[in-house]
Amino acid sequence: MACNIHNAYGFSINPVREQALLANLPVIAKSVKKDIQDFFQQIDQIILQ
């Protein structure tokens, strides 16, 4: 069982969850980038109408 660690800001961190999040950051970033690109494409379409 992983114990929680408190960081310098007082937030409780579960090391296992932190490692999972770090491992998924590239996927999360790619998804956010795609969402932002889609958003601006929609804005462009609205402006061009």
Protein backbone atom coordinates (compact mmCIF):
# COMPACT_ATOMS: atom_id res chain seq x y z
CA MET A 1 0.00 0.00 0.00
CA ALA A 2 1.45 3.36 -1.02
CA CYS A 3 1.55 6.01 1.63
CA ASN A 4 0.77 9.61 0.88
CA ILE A 5 3.59 12.15 1.01
CA HIS A 6 3.05 15.83 1.71
CA ASN A 7 4.98 18.12 -0.58
CA ALA A 8 6.30 21.59 0.24
CA TYR A 9 2.88 23.12 -0.49
CA GLY A 10 1.08 20.82 1.94
CA PHE A 11 -0.68 18.80 -0.75
CA SER A 12 -0.93 15.08 -0.20
CA ILE A 13 0.69 13.11 -3.02
CA ASN A 14 0.24 9.44 -3.70
CA PRO A 15 3.50 8.38 -5.42
CA VAL A 16 1.76 5.71 -7.52
CA ARG A 17 -0.85 8.15 -8.83
CA GLU A 18 1.83 10.78 -9.44
CA GLN A 19 3.86 8.33 -11.55
CA ALA A 20 0.74 7.35 -13.52
CA LEU A 21 -0.04 11.02 -14.18
CA LEU A 22 3.53 11.75 -15.29
CA ALA A 23 3.46 8.73 -17.59
CA ASN A 24 0.23 10.01 -19.17
CA LEU A 25 1.30 13.64 -19.59
CA PRO A 26 2.26 13.27 -23.28
CA VAL A 27 -1.16 11.77 -24.06
CA ILE A 28 -2.94 14.45 -22.03
CA ALA A 29 -0.94 17.23 -23.73
CA LYS A 30 -1.69 15.83 -27.19
CA SER A 31 -5.40 15.70 -26.37
CA VAL A 32 -5.41 19.28 -25.06
CA LYS A 33 -3.50 20.46 -28.15
CA LYS A 34 -6.09 18.78 -30.41
CA ASP A 35 -8.95 20.38 -28.46
CA ILE A 36 -7.34 23.82 -28.80
CA GLN A 37 -6.76 23.32 -32.54
CA ASP A 38 -10.39 22.22 -33.00
CA PHE A 39 -11.58 25.26 -31.05
CA PHE A 40 -9.63 27.69 -33.25
CA GLN A 41 -10.82 25.92 -36.42
CA GLN A 42 -14.40 26.46 -35.26
CA ILE A 43 -13.67 30.13 -34.52
CA ASP A 44 -12.15 30.52 -38.01
CA GLN A 45 -15.26 28.98 -39.58
CA ILE A 46 -17.50 31.35 -37.65
CA ILE A 47 -15.42 34.37 -38.69
CA LEU A 48 -15.36 33.30 -42.35
CA GLN A 49 -19.14 32.86 -42.55
